[in-house]
Amino acid sequence: MNEIRQIPFGSRLVPFPSATLGELRHSNDIVASPAALRQRMEEDGYLLIRGLIDPAKVQRARTTVLQYMAEHEGLEPGSRPLDGVMGQYGKSVGLMGRKLITHHPDVKAVLESQELFDFYRGHFGEPARTFDYKWLRAVGHEEYTGAHYDVVYMGRGTEQLRTCWIPMGDIEIEQGVLAICEGSHSAVGFEKLRRTYGRMDVDRDRVTGWFTREPMEIAEKFGGRWKTSSFRAGDILTFGMYTMHASTTNTTDRWRLSCDVRFQPAAEPVDERWVGENPINHYAASAAQGPLKSMEVARAEWGV
């Protein structure tokens, strides 16, 4: 029987595993059947595949990222780089969208692995493409991600776009892992949320992106059930644009390394912000048009 732990989730301590925060279901039992995987995606809103990518490739990529961080003073002096220990002041090292590291051959061998292209070809039933921009992250102590839909950040192309969350190594829940609100993609209780917040574009509408910093608010107001898990090198977690997700808090002294990559059918329209030699990225926050609208104001306008 699993020991019940108290997991920081937003500002709350939530028991895990429990009816409040359960264990993600893996889909390795049906991984050879694209049709069964598509059916499960419709049911759960996500797919967890254990060991899809060669773990040795993931560990090699992790080593390269940590060496890069060490060269940029992101690790504790004198510590073993492979431990990924934060410096005394937790100096942040920019990784997201930095092609020098995201497209390093060791890292690209994971983020654009043949395993992923084969998986998504089966998932879509046709050839797949990926965004050129890569969301490589080092999440520090006491940091976490608030609850949100990905569609508000990258919803200008096909509705078949999928996020693929890749842990860069073994990650325990206490180090800050992704959590999924099961049912948030389709349940009736989320319909108004999908019609309001889910139709927003952070650049067009100039609104901040997280719906809430308190993930438990989602389940309490709209339904669904939060689920999470520890992860091992080679695992992936994939989901659609209308699956609400967040992360647990990193309570350790080690960086949580992970990367979000996106896949879609190659023939479908693509969001122009994330492709090309130098993707334009988000632009609203840098535009000289005054501050962004807060999510609190937007939610009041939507009535959610």
Protein backbone atom coordinates (compact mmCIF):
# COMPACT_ATOMS: atom_id res chain seq x y z
CA MET A 1 0.00 0.00 0.00
CA ASN A 2 1.34 3.43 -0.98
CA GLU A 3 2.26 5.75 1.87
CA ILE A 4 0.10 8.88 1.86
CA ARG A 5 2.23 12.03 1.58
CA GLN A 6 1.28 15.68 1.90
CA ILE A 7 2.12 17.36 -1.42
CA PRO A 8 2.34 21.17 -1.86
CA PHE A 9 -0.10 22.01 -4.67
CA GLY A 10 -0.59 25.75 -5.10
CA SER A 11 -0.75 27.14 -1.57
CA ARG A 12 -2.25 23.95 -0.13
CA LEU A 13 -0.95 20.65 1.19
CA VAL A 14 -2.87 17.89 -0.58
CA PRO A 15 -2.73 14.19 0.38
CA PHE A 16 -1.34 11.84 -2.28
CA PRO A 17 -2.51 9.34 -3.29
CA SER A 18 -6.07 10.23 -2.39
CA ALA A 19 -9.47 11.01 -3.87
CA THR A 20 -8.26 14.61 -4.14
CA LEU A 21 -4.94 13.93 -5.89
CA GLY A 22 -4.71 10.51 -7.49
CA GLU A 23 -2.20 8.53 -9.54
CA LEU A 24 -2.00 9.00 -13.31
CA ARG A 25 -2.96 5.93 -15.34
CA HIS A 26 -0.25 4.70 -17.69
CA SER A 27 -1.19 3.41 -21.15
CA ASN A 28 1.64 0.97 -21.81
CA ASP A 29 -0.92 -1.83 -21.86
CA ILE A 30 -2.40 -0.45 -25.10
CA VAL A 31 0.65 1.31 -26.57
CA ALA A 32 0.66 -0.99 -29.61
CA SER A 33 -2.89 0.06 -30.56
CA PRO A 34 -3.23 3.63 -31.87
CA ALA A 35 -7.01 3.25 -31.94
CA ALA A 36 -7.11 2.26 -28.27
CA LEU A 37 -4.79 5.15 -27.40
CA ARG A 38 -7.02 7.62 -29.22
CA GLN A 39 -10.03 6.28 -27.32
CA ARG A 40 -8.24 6.63 -24.00
CA MET A 41 -7.17 10.17 -24.87
CA GLU A 42 -10.83 11.00 -25.46
CA GLU A 43 -11.75 9.48 -22.11
CA ASP A 44 -8.96 10.77 -19.85
CA GLY A 45 -7.62 13.81 -21.71
CA TYR A 46 -4.03 12.54 -21.47
CA LEU A 47 -1.75 9.58 -22.17
CA LEU A 48 1.13 8.56 -19.91
CA ILE A 49 3.59 6.26 -21.66
CA ARG A 50 6.38 4.82 -19.53
CA GLY A 51 9.79 4.37 -21.15
CA LEU A 52 8.78 5.49 -24.64
CA ILE A 53 12.13 7.21 -25.26
CA ASP A 54 15.43 5.40 -24.74
CA PRO A 55 16.39 6.34 -21.13
CA ALA A 56 20.08 6.43 -22.07
CA LYS A 57 19.36 9.22 -24.57
CA VAL A 58 17.43 11.14 -21.92
CA GLN A 59 20.25 10.83 -19.39
CA ARG A 60 22.76 11.99 -22.01
CA ALA A 61 20.59 15.03 -22.75
CA ARG A 62 20.24 15.73 -19.01
CA THR A 63 24.01 15.66 -18.62
CA THR A 64 24.44 18.14 -21.48
CA VAL A 65 21.81 20.52 -20.05
CA LEU A 66 23.36 20.42 -16.57
CA GLN A 67 26.83 21.04 -17.97
CA TYR A 68 25.41 24.07 -19.79
CA MET A 69 23.83 25.28 -16.55
CA ALA A 70 27.08 24.76 -14.64
CA GLU A 71 28.94 26.86 -17.22
CA HIS A 72 26.38 29.63 -16.61
CA GLU A 73 26.70 29.47 -12.79
CA GLY A 74 23.34 27.79 -12.32
CA LEU A 75 24.58 25.00 -10.03
CA GLU A 76 25.95 24.95 -6.50
CA PRO A 77 29.75 25.47 -6.69
CA GLY A 78 31.60 22.28 -5.81
CA SER A 79 28.54 20.06 -6.24
CA ARG A 80 28.36 17.22 -8.72
CA PRO A 81 26.77 18.66 -11.87
CA LEU A 82 24.67 15.54 -12.44
CA ASP A 83 22.92 16.10 -9.11
CA GLY A 84 21.50 19.36 -10.47
CA VAL A 85 21.81 21.18 -7.13
CA MET A 86 20.79 24.82 -7.21
CA GLY A 87 23.29 27.50 -6.25
CA GLN A 88 22.91 29.25 -2.90
CA TYR A 89 20.79 31.94 -4.49
CA GLY A 90 19.13 29.69 -7.06
CA LYS A 91 20.49 31.61 -10.04
CA SER A 92 18.21 31.05 -12.99
CA VAL A 93 19.68 29.99 -16.31
CA GLY A 94 17.61 30.73 -19.42
CA LEU A 95 16.87 27.53 -21.35
CA MET A 96 13.47 28.02 -22.98
CA GLY A 97 13.78 28.75 -26.68
CA ARG A 98 17.61 28.94 -26.46
CA LYS A 99 18.64 27.03 -29.56
CA LEU A 100 22.24 26.69 -28.38
CA ILE A 101 20.99 24.17 -25.83
CA THR A 102 17.51 23.09 -27.06
CA HIS A 103 18.95 22.11 -30.44
CA HIS A 104 22.20 20.65 -29.15
CA PRO A 105 22.49 17.20 -30.79
CA ASP A 106 22.22 15.39 -27.43
CA VAL A 107 19.07 17.30 -26.46
CA LYS A 108 17.48 17.28 -29.91
CA ALA A 109 17.95 13.49 -29.99
CA VAL A 110 15.32 13.37 -27.23
CA LEU A 111 13.02 16.26 -28.14
CA GLU A 112 12.79 15.20 -31.78
CA SER A 113 13.45 11.52 -31.28
CA GLN A 114 12.36 8.89 -33.74
CA GLU A 115 10.35 7.34 -30.92
CA LEU A 116 8.24 10.50 -30.67
CA PHE A 117 7.69 10.86 -34.42
CA ASP A 118 6.68 7.20 -34.65
CA PHE A 119 4.33 7.54 -31.70
CA TYR A 120 2.56 10.64 -33.04
CA ARG A 121 2.35 9.25 -36.56
CA GLY A 122 0.38 6.39 -35.08
CA HIS A 123 -1.63 8.71 -32.87
CA PHE A 124 -2.68 10.99 -35.74
CA GLY A 125 -2.84 8.29 -38.37
CA GLU A 126 -0.63 10.42 -40.63
CA PRO A 127 2.84 12.03 -40.61
CA ALA A 128 3.53 14.41 -37.73
CA ARG A 129 5.51 17.62 -37.35
CA THR A 130 6.81 19.40 -34.28
CA PHE A 131 7.27 23.05 -33.37
CA ASP A 132 10.79 24.42 -33.76
CA TYR A 133 10.50 26.29 -30.46
CA LYS A 134 11.24 24.11 -27.41
CA TRP A 135 10.05 24.88 -23.88
CA LEU A 136 13.07 23.54 -21.95
CA ARG A 137 12.76 24.47 -18.25
CA ALA A 138 14.73 24.35 -15.02
CA VAL A 139 12.19 24.81 -12.22
CA GLY A 140 13.70 25.90 -8.92
CA HIS A 141 12.93 25.62 -5.22
CA GLU A 142 9.38 26.68 -4.26
CA GLU A 143 8.46 27.18 -7.92
CA TYR A 144 5.45 25.65 -9.62
CA THR A 145 3.13 26.14 -12.58
CA GLY A 146 -0.43 27.39 -12.11
CA ALA A 147 -3.46 25.75 -13.71
CA HIS A 148 -4.05 26.56 -17.38
CA TYR A 149 -5.10 25.36 -20.84
CA ASP A 150 -2.34 25.34 -23.46
CA VAL A 151 -4.74 26.59 -26.15
CA VAL A 152 -4.45 30.16 -24.81
CA TYR A 153 -0.75 30.12 -25.70
CA MET A 154 -0.72 28.28 -29.03
CA GLY A 155 -4.24 28.03 -30.39
CA ARG A 156 -3.87 29.56 -33.85
CA GLY A 157 -3.26 26.35 -35.74
CA THR A 158 -4.85 22.92 -35.74
CA GLU A 159 -7.09 21.74 -32.92
CA GLN A 160 -5.19 18.44 -33.06
CA LEU A 161 -2.08 19.98 -31.49
CA ARG A 162 -0.64 17.91 -28.64
CA THR A 163 1.69 18.84 -25.82
CA CYS A 164 4.34 16.29 -24.92
CA TRP A 165 5.88 16.77 -21.46
CA ILE A 166 9.26 15.08 -21.16
CA PRO A 167 11.01 14.74 -17.78
CA MET A 168 14.73 15.08 -18.30
CA GLY A 169 15.64 12.32 -15.87
CA ASP A 170 13.99 10.71 -12.85
CA ILE A 171 11.70 13.17 -11.06
CA GLU A 172 9.81 12.56 -7.82
CA ILE A 173 6.59 14.40 -7.03
CA GLU A 174 8.36 16.53 -4.41
CA GLN A 175 10.65 17.91 -7.13
CA GLY A 176 7.71 19.44 -8.98
CA VAL A 177 5.96 17.30 -11.59
CA LEU A 178 3.08 17.85 -13.97
CA ALA A 179 -0.46 17.17 -12.77
CA ILE A 180 -3.53 16.67 -14.97
CA CYS A 181 -7.13 17.54 -14.16
CA GLU A 182 -8.82 14.45 -15.58
CA GLY A 183 -12.09 15.30 -17.31
CA SER A 184 -11.29 18.99 -17.81
CA HIS A 185 -11.11 18.51 -21.60
CA SER A 186 -14.68 17.29 -22.01
CA ALA A 187 -16.77 17.31 -18.83
CA VAL A 188 -19.98 19.35 -18.89
CA GLY A 189 -18.87 21.32 -15.84
CA PHE A 190 -16.00 22.84 -17.86
CA GLU A 191 -18.13 23.95 -20.82
CA LYS A 192 -18.32 27.63 -19.85
CA LEU A 193 -14.61 27.64 -19.03
CA ARG A 194 -13.80 26.28 -22.49
CA ARG A 195 -16.08 28.89 -24.14
CA THR A 196 -14.49 31.83 -22.28
CA TYR A 197 -10.97 31.28 -21.04
CA GLY A 198 -10.48 28.51 -23.62
CA ARG A 199 -11.07 30.93 -26.52
CA MET A 200 -8.54 33.47 -25.27
CA ASP A 201 -5.24 34.24 -26.98
CA VAL A 202 -2.62 35.72 -24.64
CA ASP A 203 -1.11 37.87 -27.42
CA ARG A 204 -4.26 38.96 -29.21
CA ASP A 205 -6.18 39.68 -26.00
CA ARG A 206 -3.17 40.78 -23.92
CA VAL A 207 -4.19 38.76 -20.87
CA THR A 208 -1.94 36.79 -18.51
CA GLY A 209 -2.16 33.05 -19.16
CA TRP A 210 -2.61 31.01 -15.97
CA PHE A 211 -6.28 30.64 -15.05
CA THR A 212 -5.43 30.29 -11.37
CA ARG A 213 -2.45 29.79 -9.09
CA GLU A 214 -4.61 27.43 -6.99
CA PRO A 215 -5.15 24.16 -8.89
CA MET A 216 -7.62 22.78 -6.34
CA GLU A 217 -9.94 25.67 -7.21
CA ILE A 218 -10.48 24.01 -10.61
CA ALA A 219 -11.83 20.76 -9.17
CA GLU A 220 -13.91 22.57 -6.57
CA LYS A 221 -15.59 24.93 -9.07
CA PHE A 222 -15.79 22.90 -12.26
CA GLY A 223 -15.23 19.23 -11.40
CA GLY A 224 -12.66 16.75 -12.61
CA ARG A 225 -10.00 15.09 -10.51
CA TRP A 226 -6.33 15.97 -10.26
CA LYS A 227 -3.80 13.22 -10.91
CA THR A 228 -0.02 13.11 -10.91
CA SER A 229 2.89 10.70 -10.57
CA SER A 230 6.61 10.34 -10.18
CA PHE A 231 8.42 10.01 -13.50
CA ARG A 232 11.45 8.18 -14.85
CA ALA A 233 13.80 8.99 -17.70
CA GLY A 234 12.12 7.97 -20.94
CA ASP A 235 8.53 8.60 -19.79
CA ILE A 236 6.25 11.04 -21.61
CA LEU A 237 2.93 12.65 -20.72
CA THR A 238 0.90 13.93 -23.66
CA PHE A 239 -2.42 15.78 -23.79
CA GLY A 240 -4.52 18.15 -25.87
CA MET A 241 -5.00 21.88 -25.76
CA TYR A 242 -8.10 21.75 -23.52
CA THR A 243 -6.71 19.56 -20.76
CA MET A 244 -6.22 21.63 -17.60
CA HIS A 245 -2.84 21.04 -16.03
CA ALA A 246 -0.50 22.49 -13.42
CA SER A 247 2.48 21.27 -11.42
CA THR A 248 3.30 20.37 -7.88
CA THR A 249 5.82 22.57 -6.06
CA ASN A 250 9.53 21.81 -6.12
CA THR A 251 10.40 21.50 -2.43
CA THR A 252 13.92 20.15 -3.03
CA ASP A 253 17.30 21.84 -3.57
CA ARG A 254 17.59 20.37 -7.08
CA TRP A 255 16.46 21.84 -10.37
CA ARG A 256 13.56 20.05 -12.03
CA LEU A 257 14.54 19.66 -15.66
CA SER A 258 11.80 19.02 -18.21
CA CYS A 259 10.77 20.08 -21.68
CA ASP A 260 7.44 20.70 -23.38
CA VAL A 261 7.43 19.92 -27.08
CA ARG A 262 4.43 20.08 -29.41
CA PHE A 263 3.35 17.70 -32.15
CA GLN A 264 0.56 17.90 -34.71
CA PRO A 265 -0.44 16.39 -38.05
CA ALA A 266 2.06 17.72 -40.61
CA ALA A 267 -0.66 18.70 -43.10
CA GLU A 268 -2.67 20.79 -40.61
CA PRO A 269 -2.38 24.58 -40.08
CA VAL A 270 0.37 25.59 -37.65
CA ASP A 271 0.63 28.47 -35.16
CA GLU A 272 3.13 30.85 -36.79
CA ARG A 273 4.61 31.98 -33.46
CA TRP A 274 6.44 28.70 -32.87
CA VAL A 275 7.95 27.65 -36.18
CA GLY A 276 10.81 28.75 -38.42
CA GLU A 277 14.47 29.50 -37.97
CA ASN A 278 13.74 32.15 -35.34
CA PRO A 279 10.18 31.74 -34.00
CA ILE A 280 8.61 35.04 -33.00
CA ASN A 281 7.39 33.67 -29.63
CA HIS A 282 4.86 35.61 -27.52
CA TYR A 283 4.88 39.31 -28.19
CA ALA A 284 2.12 40.95 -26.13
CA ALA A 285 4.19 41.43 -22.98
CA SER A 286 6.95 43.23 -24.90
CA ALA A 287 4.63 45.48 -26.89
CA ALA A 288 4.53 49.12 -25.79
CA GLN A 289 0.79 49.03 -25.14
CA GLY A 290 0.69 49.19 -21.37
CA PRO A 291 0.30 46.36 -18.86
CA LEU A 292 -1.45 43.11 -19.63
CA LYS A 293 -4.97 42.55 -18.32
CA SER A 294 -4.89 40.43 -15.19
CA MET A 295 -6.62 37.07 -15.14
CA GLU A 296 -8.70 38.29 -12.19
CA VAL A 297 -10.19 41.06 -14.34
CA ALA A 298 -10.73 38.72 -17.30
CA ARG A 299 -12.44 36.11 -15.11
CA ALA A 300 -14.81 38.72 -13.73
CA GLU A 301 -15.73 39.70 -17.29
CA TRP A 302 -16.33 36.06 -18.27
CA GLY A 303 -18.23 35.23 -15.10
CA VAL A 304 -16.00 32.28 -14.22
